[in-house]
Amino acid sequence: MAQIAPTSNRASHVLAGAEQRSRLLLLAAAAVSFALSVSLWFAGHELQGIFVGLWVPSILSLGAIVLPRTARS
């Protein structure tokens, strides 16, 4: 039984790393969407800027739904 604990600990560590990368990817996607939206807006493409700007809350909402929440102590 002593050998099972390190394996499960390693598996949970790998899953935690994957969750962290997923969160970072979603935040990066939202930031890129925001930057693209602002760029389009100030380049004179207001409607396209608004359309791309709507992606930001959608991306963040997807992350809130898909990614599991960690327990807060």
C-alpha atoms as a PDB file:
ATOM      1  CA  MET A   1       0.000   0.000   0.000  1.00  0.00           C
ATOM      2  CA  ALA A   2       2.902   2.366   0.543  1.00  0.00           C
ATOM      3  CA  GLN A   3       3.642   2.293  -3.186  1.00  0.00           C
ATOM      4  CA  ILE A   4       0.119   3.369  -4.156  1.00  0.00           C
ATOM      5  CA  ALA A   5       0.256   6.702  -2.340  1.00  0.00           C
ATOM      6  CA  PRO A   6       3.209   8.191  -4.291  1.00  0.00           C
ATOM      7  CA  THR A   7       1.627   7.146  -7.586  1.00  0.00           C
ATOM      8  CA  SER A   8      -1.683   8.818  -6.769  1.00  0.00           C
ATOM      9  CA  ASN A   9       0.180  11.852  -5.464  1.00  0.00           C
ATOM     10  CA  ARG A  10       2.102  12.064  -8.736  1.00  0.00           C
ATOM     11  CA  ALA A  11      -1.121  11.687 -10.725  1.00  0.00           C
ATOM     12  CA  SER A  12      -2.789  14.479  -8.769  1.00  0.00           C
ATOM     13  CA  HIS A  13       0.283  16.653  -9.308  1.00  0.00           C
ATOM     14  CA  VAL A  14       0.127  16.039 -13.073  1.00  0.00           C
ATOM     15  CA  LEU A  15      -3.591  16.837 -13.117  1.00  0.00           C
ATOM     16  CA  ALA A  16      -2.976  20.024 -11.138  1.00  0.00           C
ATOM     17  CA  GLY A  17      -0.368  21.067 -13.701  1.00  0.00           C
ATOM     18  CA  ALA A  18      -2.768  20.379 -16.565  1.00  0.00           C
ATOM     19  CA  GLU A  19      -5.471  22.408 -14.819  1.00  0.00           C
ATOM     20  CA  GLN A  20      -3.044  25.289 -14.333  1.00  0.00           C
ATOM     21  CA  ARG A  21      -2.090  25.197 -18.031  1.00  0.00           C
ATOM     22  CA  SER A  22      -5.762  25.145 -18.998  1.00  0.00           C
ATOM     23  CA  ARG A  23      -6.481  28.178 -16.857  1.00  0.00           C
ATOM     24  CA  LEU A  24      -3.499  29.994 -18.325  1.00  0.00           C
ATOM     25  CA  LEU A  25      -4.589  29.122 -21.874  1.00  0.00           C
ATOM     26  CA  LEU A  26      -8.116  30.432 -21.263  1.00  0.00           C
ATOM     27  CA  LEU A  27      -6.825  33.658 -19.725  1.00  0.00           C
ATOM     28  CA  ALA A  28      -4.388  34.108 -22.613  1.00  0.00           C
ATOM     29  CA  ALA A  29      -7.202  33.553 -25.133  1.00  0.00           C
ATOM     30  CA  ALA A  30      -9.351  36.151 -23.367  1.00  0.00           C
ATOM     31  CA  ALA A  31      -6.452  38.640 -23.279  1.00  0.00           C
ATOM     32  CA  VAL A  32      -5.709  38.139 -26.989  1.00  0.00           C
ATOM     33  CA  SER A  33      -9.394  38.567 -27.789  1.00  0.00           C
ATOM     34  CA  PHE A  34      -9.510  41.794 -25.782  1.00  0.00           C
ATOM     35  CA  ALA A  35      -6.369  43.161 -27.462  1.00  0.00           C
ATOM     36  CA  LEU A  36      -7.694  42.261 -30.907  1.00  0.00           C
ATOM     37  CA  SER A  37     -11.026  43.895 -30.092  1.00  0.00           C
ATOM     38  CA  VAL A  38      -9.393  47.140 -29.011  1.00  0.00           C
ATOM     39  CA  SER A  39      -7.120  47.072 -32.069  1.00  0.00           C
ATOM     40  CA  LEU A  40     -10.056  46.627 -34.414  1.00  0.00           C
ATOM     41  CA  TRP A  41     -12.039  49.351 -32.687  1.00  0.00           C
ATOM     42  CA  PHE A  42      -9.278  51.964 -32.961  1.00  0.00           C
ATOM     43  CA  ALA A  43      -8.440  50.895 -36.523  1.00  0.00           C
ATOM     44  CA  GLY A  44     -11.911  52.025 -37.553  1.00  0.00           C
ATOM     45  CA  HIS A  45     -13.622  48.629 -37.641  1.00  0.00           C
ATOM     46  CA  GLU A  46     -16.050  49.293 -34.808  1.00  0.00           C
ATOM     47  CA  LEU A  47     -18.524  46.487 -35.524  1.00  0.00           C
ATOM     48  CA  GLN A  48     -15.795  43.868 -35.843  1.00  0.00           C
ATOM     49  CA  GLY A  49     -14.244  45.185 -32.613  1.00  0.00           C
ATOM     50  CA  ILE A  50     -17.552  44.784 -30.788  1.00  0.00           C
ATOM     51  CA  PHE A  51     -18.009  41.285 -32.198  1.00  0.00           C
ATOM     52  CA  VAL A  52     -14.550  40.160 -31.116  1.00  0.00           C
ATOM     53  CA  GLY A  53     -15.013  41.917 -27.759  1.00  0.00           C
ATOM     54  CA  LEU A  54     -17.995  39.682 -27.064  1.00  0.00           C
ATOM     55  CA  TRP A  55     -15.663  36.690 -27.136  1.00  0.00           C
ATOM     56  CA  VAL A  56     -13.969  37.730 -23.883  1.00  0.00           C
ATOM     57  CA  PRO A  57     -16.860  36.989 -21.493  1.00  0.00           C
ATOM     58  CA  SER A  58     -17.720  33.900 -23.519  1.00  0.00           C
ATOM     59  CA  ILE A  59     -14.199  32.509 -23.151  1.00  0.00           C
ATOM     60  CA  LEU A  60     -14.109  33.293 -19.432  1.00  0.00           C
ATOM     61  CA  SER A  61     -17.560  31.743 -18.924  1.00  0.00           C
ATOM     62  CA  LEU A  62     -16.450  28.607 -20.726  1.00  0.00           C
ATOM     63  CA  GLY A  63     -13.497  28.376 -18.362  1.00  0.00           C
ATOM     64  CA  ALA A  64     -15.740  28.813 -15.334  1.00  0.00           C
ATOM     65  CA  ILE A  65     -17.999  26.012 -16.508  1.00  0.00           C
ATOM     66  CA  VAL A  66     -15.429  23.534 -17.810  1.00  0.00           C
ATOM     67  CA  LEU A  67     -12.589  23.815 -15.324  1.00  0.00           C
ATOM     68  CA  PRO A  68     -13.172  22.295 -11.886  1.00  0.00           C
ATOM     69  CA  ARG A  69     -13.021  24.577  -8.908  1.00  0.00           C
ATOM     70  CA  THR A  70     -10.454  24.015  -6.207  1.00  0.00           C
ATOM     71  CA  ALA A  71     -11.574  23.759  -2.604  1.00  0.00           C
ATOM     72  CA  ARG A  72     -10.853  26.866  -0.599  1.00  0.00           C
ATOM     73  CA  SER A  73      -9.784  26.422   2.984  1.00  0.00           C
END
